[in-house]
Amino acid sequence: MSGTALYWFRNDLRLHDAPALRAAAAASSALLPVVCLPPRSLTAWGFERVGVHRRVWWEQAVAALAEQLRAMGSDLLVCQGPAAQVLPALAQAAGTSLVHCEAIGAPEEEAEIDALRASGLRVQPRWQSTLFEPAALPFGVRRLPPVFSSFRQQLERQRVRPAQPLPVLSQAPALPGDMASVRLAAQAFAPAPAAQPPVLPQASSFPYTASQCHGGEPAALAFVQRYLDRRLALTYKATRNGLQGLDYSTKWSPWLASGALSVREAQARLTAFEQAHGANEGTAWITVELLWRDYFRWLHLQHGRALYREQGLSAQPMARGHVRHLQRWCEGRTGEPLVDAAMRELRATGYLSNRLRQVAASFWLHELEGDWRAGAAWYESQLIDYDVYSNQGNWLYIAGRGTDPRGGRRFNPAKQAADYDPDGRYRALWGTA
């Protein structure tokens, strides 16, 4: 036992399959769970970095986690501010210098760890957000295959299997003895009042204000099981390019992004479904999508900050579209009906189908010649399922600045509309500002 420690929840707002949390609980006689909500800030392009949809989604997940921890006799301190300011103050009040957390291999998130260590804290991060443990890969991370198809084929050829999820944490160590001092220290980082949930349009494809789509872990696990019980996984490949509705795709991504759902738990339940009902192209394609999620994580460990350079992994010059186009694109006023409908849905609901994310991103990059970083920042601001790895990886991919062997993807909006919205229903639904 190491005595008292802090557990810093990051993108792992759950108690099931929680290796870092279980390790902290096993090693500590007293454990203080903490989450740091980001301070309000603007991007370089002038809009909020965390928009209202993302704020509400995260607040839902945090509230659910706090309730679960309290039911175990523990608690969750919810603070707002940079971890490098919050955690040293709480650690001092709790009489410890040890912090456990999950490892996140993106530059800003790694810089947070560096800042905590510079403050004198001992930080023990643990990698836990992928299907596979790093040691299970048939290649070192530095030798990650340069394209996704090769990555996938090597895993299949070597019959690499995902790690099994850990059981739910059912007991938590006691809180630190002097919680009065800890709570007093936390008052300096009291969070802003909870964001007012917006009234979502009835047409929302992911109505996160409804109970079945709530941001917390219990809703996540129930949603996954309900999706599988309805056997929707069998038709996933045929429906995944849908534009509207709750059932055309798994809709697991919002919970995966916050960590209220473990990717290993999702895959384990899918595998159990295949064993009970048979596997087909639909179930296999869900696994492919989860592998893409893993690939973008390994890509970060391979390339690090290079993925965040203006040119990405490419040497090609940057497009220099006029910044005035950005507001038109964000607000859905470009004059291209399918793109405008997509951007209006995103802004109104915090969600957008994968097909339309690609179409809208392509239009910004290749028709408006916009800066890919501005588009990525807008998706970060708006999407409730924003994931730093996937957002960065996908934008670079479409821009031709990542690992796409075709050097980028350019979608013809008219063809996309004819293929995926032939009756114009989607454009009509979101066609007014």
Protein backbone atom coordinates (compact mmCIF):
# COMPACT_ATOMS: atom_id res chain seq x y z
CA MET A 1 0.00 0.00 0.00
CA SER A 2 1.27 3.46 -0.90
CA GLY A 3 -0.91 5.40 1.54
CA THR A 4 -2.96 8.26 0.11
CA ALA A 5 -3.14 8.99 -3.62
CA LEU A 6 -5.22 10.98 -6.08
CA TYR A 7 -7.00 9.39 -8.99
CA TRP A 8 -7.39 11.87 -11.84
CA PHE A 9 -10.21 10.89 -14.17
CA ARG A 10 -9.51 11.97 -17.72
CA ASN A 11 -11.22 10.28 -20.70
CA ASP A 12 -12.15 7.27 -18.56
CA LEU A 13 -15.35 8.21 -16.77
CA ARG A 14 -16.33 4.67 -15.74
CA LEU A 15 -15.90 1.91 -13.17
CA HIS A 16 -15.95 -1.09 -15.54
CA ASP A 17 -12.75 -2.19 -17.29
CA ALA A 18 -10.72 0.50 -15.54
CA PRO A 19 -7.11 -0.77 -15.25
CA ALA A 20 -5.61 2.51 -14.05
CA LEU A 21 -8.31 3.04 -11.43
CA ARG A 22 -8.10 -0.56 -10.21
CA ALA A 23 -4.31 -0.29 -9.90
CA ALA A 24 -4.68 2.92 -7.90
CA ALA A 25 -7.32 1.36 -5.65
CA ALA A 26 -5.22 -1.74 -5.03
CA ALA A 27 -2.12 0.27 -4.13
CA SER A 28 -3.73 2.93 -1.93
CA SER A 29 -5.11 2.94 1.58
CA ALA A 30 -6.93 6.20 0.79
CA LEU A 31 -7.87 7.49 -2.66
CA LEU A 32 -9.23 10.86 -3.73
CA PRO A 33 -11.05 10.74 -7.08
CA VAL A 34 -10.87 14.04 -9.00
CA VAL A 35 -11.98 15.30 -12.38
CA CYS A 36 -10.84 18.62 -13.88
CA LEU A 37 -13.33 20.27 -16.21
CA PRO A 38 -11.55 22.48 -18.78
CA PRO A 39 -11.71 26.24 -18.26
CA ARG A 40 -13.77 28.23 -20.75
CA SER A 41 -11.57 29.34 -23.63
CA LEU A 42 -11.67 30.36 -27.28
CA THR A 43 -9.86 28.80 -30.20
CA ALA A 44 -7.51 30.75 -32.45
CA TRP A 45 -10.50 31.12 -34.78
CA GLY A 46 -12.68 32.85 -32.22
CA PHE A 47 -15.23 30.22 -31.17
CA GLU A 48 -15.53 28.31 -27.91
CA ARG A 49 -13.22 25.36 -27.67
CA VAL A 50 -15.84 23.34 -25.79
CA GLY A 51 -19.32 24.17 -27.05
CA VAL A 52 -22.55 23.71 -25.13
CA HIS A 53 -23.27 20.21 -26.46
CA ARG A 54 -19.91 18.88 -25.31
CA ARG A 55 -20.22 20.64 -21.95
CA VAL A 56 -23.63 19.13 -21.23
CA TRP A 57 -22.51 15.67 -22.38
CA TRP A 58 -19.48 15.70 -20.10
CA GLU A 59 -21.44 17.06 -17.16
CA GLN A 60 -23.88 14.17 -17.55
CA ALA A 61 -21.07 11.61 -17.50
CA VAL A 62 -19.35 13.25 -14.53
CA ALA A 63 -22.59 13.44 -12.54
CA ALA A 64 -23.29 9.76 -13.16
CA LEU A 65 -19.76 8.79 -12.11
CA ALA A 66 -20.03 10.87 -8.94
CA GLU A 67 -23.29 9.13 -8.04
CA GLN A 68 -21.71 5.70 -8.56
CA LEU A 69 -18.69 6.55 -6.43
CA ARG A 70 -20.85 7.93 -3.62
CA ALA A 71 -22.86 4.71 -3.62
CA MET A 72 -19.56 2.94 -2.86
CA GLY A 73 -18.77 5.26 0.02
CA SER A 74 -16.32 7.36 -1.98
CA ASP A 75 -16.87 10.64 -3.83
CA LEU A 76 -15.74 12.64 -6.84
CA LEU A 77 -14.29 16.12 -6.54
CA VAL A 78 -15.37 18.07 -9.60
CA CYS A 79 -13.07 21.01 -10.23
CA GLN A 80 -12.62 23.42 -13.09
CA GLY A 81 -9.25 24.58 -14.27
CA PRO A 82 -5.92 23.30 -15.56
CA ALA A 83 -4.84 20.07 -13.89
CA ALA A 84 -1.42 21.62 -13.25
CA GLN A 85 -3.12 24.10 -10.89
CA VAL A 86 -5.87 21.93 -9.43
CA LEU A 87 -4.08 18.70 -8.60
CA PRO A 88 -1.02 20.09 -6.74
CA ALA A 89 -3.34 22.07 -4.44
CA LEU A 90 -5.56 19.07 -3.75
CA ALA A 91 -2.59 16.74 -3.28
CA GLN A 92 -1.07 19.05 -0.72
CA ALA A 93 -4.36 19.25 1.18
CA ALA A 94 -4.69 15.46 1.07
CA GLY A 95 -1.11 14.93 2.24
CA THR A 96 0.18 13.12 -0.82
CA SER A 97 2.27 13.66 -3.91
CA LEU A 98 1.06 10.60 -5.86
CA VAL A 99 -1.38 10.84 -8.79
CA HIS A 100 -2.70 7.90 -10.82
CA CYS A 101 -4.39 8.45 -14.19
CA GLU A 102 -4.81 7.07 -17.67
CA ALA A 103 -2.19 7.83 -20.30
CA ILE A 104 -3.32 9.91 -23.30
CA GLY A 105 -0.77 10.07 -26.10
CA ALA A 106 -1.62 13.49 -27.56
CA PRO A 107 0.63 16.56 -27.13
CA GLU A 108 -1.55 18.72 -24.87
CA GLU A 109 -2.47 15.77 -22.71
CA GLU A 110 1.17 14.68 -22.39
CA ALA A 111 2.12 18.27 -21.55
CA GLU A 112 -0.36 18.11 -18.64
CA ILE A 113 1.58 15.17 -17.21
CA ASP A 114 4.88 17.02 -17.68
CA ALA A 115 3.49 20.07 -15.88
CA LEU A 116 2.30 17.96 -12.94
CA ARG A 117 5.70 16.33 -12.62
CA ALA A 118 7.37 19.75 -12.81
CA SER A 119 5.21 20.80 -9.84
CA GLY A 120 6.68 17.98 -7.77
CA LEU A 121 3.94 15.39 -8.11
CA ARG A 122 4.66 11.74 -8.84
CA VAL A 123 2.39 10.78 -11.72
CA GLN A 124 1.72 7.19 -12.73
CA PRO A 125 -0.18 7.14 -16.05
CA ARG A 126 -1.40 3.86 -17.52
CA TRP A 127 -2.29 3.10 -21.14
CA GLN A 128 -5.81 1.65 -21.30
CA SER A 129 -7.84 3.08 -24.18
CA THR A 130 -7.14 0.52 -26.92
CA LEU A 131 -8.39 -2.96 -27.72
CA PHE A 132 -4.85 -4.31 -27.48
CA GLU A 133 -2.09 -3.85 -24.96
CA PRO A 134 1.02 -2.36 -26.62
CA ALA A 135 3.01 -5.53 -25.92
CA ALA A 136 0.46 -7.63 -27.81
CA LEU A 137 1.02 -5.87 -31.13
CA PRO A 138 3.03 -7.93 -33.65
CA PHE A 139 5.19 -4.86 -34.31
CA GLY A 140 6.59 -2.12 -32.12
CA VAL A 141 4.68 1.15 -32.08
CA ARG A 142 7.57 2.83 -33.89
CA ARG A 143 7.13 0.28 -36.69
CA LEU A 144 3.38 0.78 -37.04
CA PRO A 145 2.33 -0.04 -40.62
CA PRO A 146 2.02 3.19 -42.62
CA VAL A 147 -1.56 2.47 -43.79
CA PHE A 148 -4.56 1.10 -41.92
CA SER A 149 -5.18 -1.88 -44.21
CA SER A 150 -1.70 -3.26 -43.51
CA PHE A 151 -2.20 -2.70 -39.78
CA ARG A 152 -5.47 -4.61 -39.84
CA GLN A 153 -4.09 -7.45 -42.00
CA GLN A 154 -1.12 -8.01 -39.73
CA LEU A 155 -3.35 -8.25 -36.67
CA GLU A 156 -5.63 -10.72 -38.43
CA ARG A 157 -2.74 -12.77 -39.79
CA GLN A 158 -1.13 -13.02 -36.36
CA ARG A 159 -4.54 -13.75 -34.75
CA VAL A 160 -4.02 -11.02 -32.17
CA ARG A 161 -7.00 -10.91 -29.84
CA PRO A 162 -8.27 -7.92 -27.84
CA ALA A 163 -7.56 -7.88 -24.13
CA GLN A 164 -10.49 -9.00 -22.00
CA PRO A 165 -12.23 -6.23 -20.05
CA LEU A 166 -11.76 -6.16 -16.30
CA PRO A 167 -14.76 -6.55 -13.97
CA VAL A 168 -16.45 -3.46 -12.62
CA LEU A 169 -14.81 -1.90 -9.59
CA SER A 170 -17.16 -2.72 -6.72
CA GLN A 171 -15.15 -1.31 -3.81
CA ALA A 172 -13.17 1.88 -3.47
CA PRO A 173 -10.57 2.81 -0.85
CA ALA A 174 -11.57 5.28 1.83
CA LEU A 175 -11.33 8.98 1.16
CA PRO A 176 -8.38 10.86 2.72
CA GLY A 177 -8.81 11.53 6.43
CA ASP A 178 -8.82 15.34 6.26
CA MET A 179 -11.52 15.84 3.65
CA ALA A 180 -12.44 19.19 5.20
CA SER A 181 -9.06 20.59 4.14
CA VAL A 182 -9.35 18.97 0.72
CA ARG A 183 -12.79 20.46 0.11
CA LEU A 184 -11.55 23.84 1.26
CA ALA A 185 -8.71 23.66 -1.26
CA ALA A 186 -11.16 22.59 -3.96
CA GLN A 187 -13.28 25.70 -3.44
CA ALA A 188 -10.69 27.73 -5.38
CA PHE A 189 -11.55 25.59 -8.41
CA ALA A 190 -15.31 25.38 -8.06
CA PRO A 191 -16.88 24.61 -11.44
CA ALA A 192 -19.13 27.07 -13.19
CA PRO A 193 -22.85 26.36 -12.94
CA ALA A 194 -23.88 23.41 -15.07
CA ALA A 195 -24.62 24.25 -18.68
CA GLN A 196 -28.30 24.54 -19.50
CA PRO A 197 -29.19 21.57 -21.72
CA PRO A 198 -30.35 22.87 -25.09
CA VAL A 199 -33.69 21.91 -26.53
CA LEU A 200 -32.67 19.44 -29.21
CA PRO A 201 -34.65 19.25 -32.44
CA GLN A 202 -36.87 16.18 -32.73
CA ALA A 203 -34.82 15.18 -35.75
CA SER A 204 -31.65 14.76 -33.67
CA SER A 205 -29.91 11.49 -34.52
CA PHE A 206 -28.52 11.26 -31.00
CA PRO A 207 -30.88 12.95 -28.50
CA TYR A 208 -28.48 13.04 -25.58
CA THR A 209 -31.01 14.78 -23.33
CA ALA A 210 -33.19 11.63 -23.48
CA SER A 211 -32.65 9.03 -20.76
CA GLN A 212 -31.54 6.24 -23.11
CA CYS A 213 -28.80 8.50 -24.51
CA HIS A 214 -27.64 9.96 -21.21
CA GLY A 215 -23.91 10.54 -20.92
CA GLY A 216 -23.23 8.29 -17.94
CA GLU A 217 -21.81 4.78 -17.73
CA PRO A 218 -25.09 3.02 -16.80
CA ALA A 219 -26.83 4.42 -19.89
CA ALA A 220 -23.81 3.49 -22.04
CA LEU A 221 -23.84 -0.17 -21.04
CA ALA A 222 -27.61 -0.40 -21.37
CA PHE A 223 -27.51 1.20 -24.83
CA VAL A 224 -24.85 -1.19 -26.12
CA GLN A 225 -26.77 -4.20 -24.85
CA ARG A 226 -30.05 -2.93 -26.29
CA TYR A 227 -28.39 -2.40 -29.68
CA LEU A 228 -27.12 -5.97 -29.67
CA ASP A 229 -30.34 -7.44 -28.30
CA ARG A 230 -32.19 -5.87 -31.24
CA ARG A 231 -29.67 -7.56 -33.57
CA LEU A 232 -28.87 -4.28 -35.27
CA ALA A 233 -25.23 -5.33 -35.46
CA LEU A 234 -26.13 -7.81 -38.21
CA THR A 235 -27.22 -4.99 -40.52
CA TYR A 236 -24.55 -2.46 -39.53
CA LYS A 237 -22.58 -2.54 -42.78
CA ALA A 238 -25.72 -1.98 -44.83
CA THR A 239 -26.95 0.94 -42.71
CA ARG A 240 -23.75 2.63 -41.50
CA ASN A 241 -23.83 5.33 -44.21
CA GLY A 242 -27.27 6.50 -43.15
CA LEU A 243 -27.76 10.18 -42.47
CA GLN A 244 -30.66 10.35 -40.06
CA GLY A 245 -32.00 8.42 -37.07
CA LEU A 246 -30.79 6.59 -33.98
CA ASP A 247 -30.39 3.08 -35.42
CA TYR A 248 -28.37 3.45 -38.65
CA SER A 249 -25.07 3.16 -36.73
CA THR A 250 -24.04 1.87 -33.31
CA LYS A 251 -23.93 5.35 -31.73
CA TRP A 252 -21.36 4.02 -29.25
CA SER A 253 -18.85 6.75 -30.07
CA PRO A 254 -20.08 9.44 -27.62
CA TRP A 255 -19.57 7.11 -24.66
CA LEU A 256 -16.29 5.77 -26.03
CA ALA A 257 -15.03 9.34 -26.32
CA SER A 258 -15.69 10.23 -22.67
CA GLY A 259 -14.61 6.80 -21.49
CA ALA A 260 -18.02 6.03 -19.99
CA LEU A 261 -17.77 2.96 -22.24
CA SER A 262 -14.61 0.89 -22.53
CA VAL A 263 -13.73 -0.20 -26.06
CA ARG A 264 -12.77 -3.62 -24.70
CA GLU A 265 -16.15 -4.01 -23.06
CA ALA A 266 -17.90 -3.03 -26.29
CA GLN A 267 -15.85 -5.52 -28.30
CA ALA A 268 -16.35 -8.29 -25.73
CA ARG A 269 -20.12 -7.84 -25.89
CA LEU A 270 -20.01 -7.84 -29.67
CA THR A 271 -17.97 -11.05 -29.66
CA ALA A 272 -20.45 -12.69 -27.29
CA PHE A 273 -23.23 -11.63 -29.66
CA GLU A 274 -21.40 -13.22 -32.60
CA GLN A 275 -20.99 -16.45 -30.67
CA ALA A 276 -24.69 -16.53 -29.87
CA HIS A 277 -26.15 -15.32 -33.18
CA GLY A 278 -23.39 -15.74 -35.76
CA ALA A 279 -20.94 -13.29 -37.28
CA ASN A 280 -21.45 -11.58 -40.62
CA GLU A 281 -20.24 -8.53 -42.55
CA GLY A 282 -22.18 -6.25 -40.23
CA THR A 283 -20.58 -7.44 -37.02
CA ALA A 284 -17.15 -7.66 -38.66
CA TRP A 285 -17.41 -4.06 -39.84
CA ILE A 286 -18.10 -2.81 -36.32
CA THR A 287 -14.80 -4.39 -35.31
CA VAL A 288 -13.12 -2.66 -38.26
CA GLU A 289 -14.39 0.69 -37.00
CA LEU A 290 -13.03 -0.05 -33.53
CA LEU A 291 -9.70 -0.99 -35.12
CA TRP A 292 -9.62 2.41 -36.86
CA ARG A 293 -10.06 3.98 -33.44
CA ASP A 294 -7.07 1.98 -32.17
CA TYR A 295 -4.99 2.82 -35.24
CA PHE A 296 -5.31 6.55 -34.68
CA ARG A 297 -4.12 6.04 -31.10
CA TRP A 298 -1.05 4.07 -32.16
CA LEU A 299 -0.41 6.69 -34.85
CA HIS A 300 -0.13 9.31 -32.10
CA LEU A 301 2.41 7.23 -30.22
CA GLN A 302 4.39 6.84 -33.44
CA HIS A 303 4.37 10.44 -34.72
CA GLY A 304 3.48 12.59 -31.70
CA ARG A 305 3.58 16.33 -32.32
CA ALA A 306 4.21 15.88 -36.04
CA LEU A 307 0.48 15.17 -36.38
CA TYR A 308 -0.24 18.69 -35.13
CA ARG A 309 2.09 20.59 -37.42
CA GLU A 310 0.57 22.86 -40.04
CA GLN A 311 1.64 20.46 -42.79
CA GLY A 312 0.93 17.30 -40.76
CA LEU A 313 2.94 14.38 -42.10
CA SER A 314 3.00 15.90 -45.58
CA ALA A 315 5.41 18.24 -47.30
CA GLN A 316 2.75 19.78 -49.54
CA PRO A 317 2.03 23.51 -49.13
CA MET A 318 -0.97 24.66 -47.14
CA ALA A 319 -4.11 25.91 -48.85
CA ARG A 320 -4.81 29.54 -48.03
CA GLY A 321 -8.56 29.95 -48.26
CA HIS A 322 -9.99 33.19 -46.92
CA VAL A 323 -10.88 33.08 -43.23
CA ARG A 324 -14.30 34.62 -43.97
CA HIS A 325 -15.35 31.29 -45.44
CA LEU A 326 -15.00 29.62 -42.03
CA GLN A 327 -18.03 31.29 -40.48
CA ARG A 328 -20.15 30.48 -43.54
CA TRP A 329 -19.08 26.85 -43.34
CA CYS A 330 -19.67 26.59 -39.58
CA GLU A 331 -23.13 28.13 -39.87
CA GLY A 332 -24.17 26.13 -42.94
CA ARG A 333 -24.27 29.06 -45.36
CA THR A 334 -21.92 27.88 -48.11
CA GLY A 335 -24.61 27.49 -50.77
CA GLU A 336 -23.97 23.75 -51.12
CA PRO A 337 -27.25 22.17 -49.86
CA LEU A 338 -25.94 18.88 -48.47
CA VAL A 339 -22.98 20.51 -46.71
CA ASP A 340 -25.15 23.28 -45.30
CA ALA A 341 -27.71 20.80 -43.98
CA ALA A 342 -24.94 18.81 -42.31
CA MET A 343 -23.40 21.83 -40.64
CA ARG A 344 -26.77 22.98 -39.36
CA GLU A 345 -27.44 19.57 -37.87
CA LEU A 346 -24.03 19.55 -36.19
CA ARG A 347 -24.53 22.97 -34.66
CA ALA A 348 -28.06 22.23 -33.50
CA THR A 349 -27.46 18.76 -32.04
CA GLY A 350 -23.74 18.13 -31.41
CA TYR A 351 -23.84 15.06 -33.63
CA LEU A 352 -23.41 14.23 -37.31
CA SER A 353 -23.24 11.00 -39.28
CA ASN A 354 -19.80 9.75 -40.26
CA ARG A 355 -20.66 10.08 -43.96
CA LEU A 356 -21.56 13.73 -43.59
CA ARG A 357 -18.56 14.50 -41.39
CA GLN A 358 -16.38 13.43 -44.29
CA VAL A 359 -18.40 15.30 -46.91
CA ALA A 360 -18.42 18.54 -44.89
CA ALA A 361 -14.72 18.24 -44.07
CA SER A 362 -13.87 17.61 -47.71
CA PHE A 363 -15.84 20.68 -48.79
CA TRP A 364 -14.01 22.88 -46.29
CA LEU A 365 -10.63 21.54 -47.34
CA HIS A 366 -10.92 21.10 -51.07
CA GLU A 367 -13.64 23.50 -52.24
CA LEU A 368 -13.18 26.37 -49.80
CA GLU A 369 -9.44 25.66 -49.48
CA GLY A 370 -9.66 26.05 -45.72
CA ASP A 371 -7.08 25.35 -43.05
CA TRP A 372 -7.61 21.79 -41.83
CA ARG A 373 -6.79 22.88 -38.28
CA ALA A 374 -9.74 25.30 -38.24
CA GLY A 375 -12.11 22.56 -39.39
CA ALA A 376 -10.73 20.16 -36.80
CA ALA A 377 -11.18 22.81 -34.10
CA TRP A 378 -14.84 23.34 -35.07
CA TYR A 379 -15.53 19.61 -34.83
CA GLU A 380 -13.76 19.58 -31.46
CA SER A 381 -15.99 22.39 -30.27
CA GLN A 382 -19.25 20.88 -31.42
CA LEU A 383 -19.14 17.06 -31.44
CA ILE A 384 -20.23 15.31 -28.27
CA ASP A 385 -18.15 12.33 -29.40
CA TYR A 386 -15.02 14.40 -29.95
CA ASP A 387 -11.95 12.20 -29.50
CA VAL A 388 -8.55 13.86 -29.83
CA TYR A 389 -6.99 10.90 -31.64
CA SER A 390 -9.78 10.21 -34.13
CA ASN A 391 -10.53 13.85 -34.84
CA GLN A 392 -6.91 14.62 -35.64
CA GLY A 393 -6.40 11.40 -37.59
CA ASN A 394 -9.51 11.77 -39.71
CA TRP A 395 -8.88 15.41 -40.61
CA LEU A 396 -5.32 14.65 -41.64
CA TYR A 397 -6.55 11.67 -43.63
CA ILE A 398 -9.06 13.67 -45.65
CA ALA A 399 -6.61 16.54 -46.08
CA GLY A 400 -3.93 14.21 -47.44
CA ARG A 401 -1.63 15.10 -44.56
CA GLY A 402 -1.86 11.81 -42.69
CA THR A 403 -1.56 8.19 -43.74
CA ASP A 404 -4.08 7.96 -46.60
CA PRO A 405 -2.32 6.09 -49.43
CA ARG A 406 -4.41 8.05 -51.94
CA GLY A 407 -3.15 11.39 -50.68
CA GLY A 408 -6.46 12.66 -49.31
CA ARG A 409 -10.16 12.28 -49.99
CA ARG A 410 -12.27 14.68 -52.04
CA PHE A 411 -16.02 14.08 -52.07
CA ASN A 412 -18.35 15.45 -54.74
CA PRO A 413 -21.32 16.83 -52.75
CA ALA A 414 -23.76 16.39 -55.66
CA LYS A 415 -22.81 12.72 -56.04
CA GLN A 416 -22.95 12.19 -52.29
CA ALA A 417 -26.43 13.70 -52.21
CA ALA A 418 -27.57 11.48 -55.09
CA ASP A 419 -26.14 8.38 -53.42
CA TYR A 420 -27.20 8.97 -49.82
CA ASP A 421 -30.07 11.49 -49.95
CA PRO A 422 -31.71 10.71 -53.30
CA ASP A 423 -35.16 11.90 -52.22
CA GLY A 424 -33.78 15.08 -50.64
CA ARG A 425 -35.37 14.27 -47.30
CA TYR A 426 -32.27 15.04 -45.27
CA ARG A 427 -31.61 18.33 -47.05
CA ALA A 428 -35.22 19.35 -46.56
CA LEU A 429 -35.08 18.44 -42.85
CA TRP A 430 -32.07 20.66 -42.14
CA GLY A 431 -32.44 23.08 -45.03
CA THR A 432 -33.43 26.17 -43.11
CA ALA A 433 -31.04 28.07 -40.88
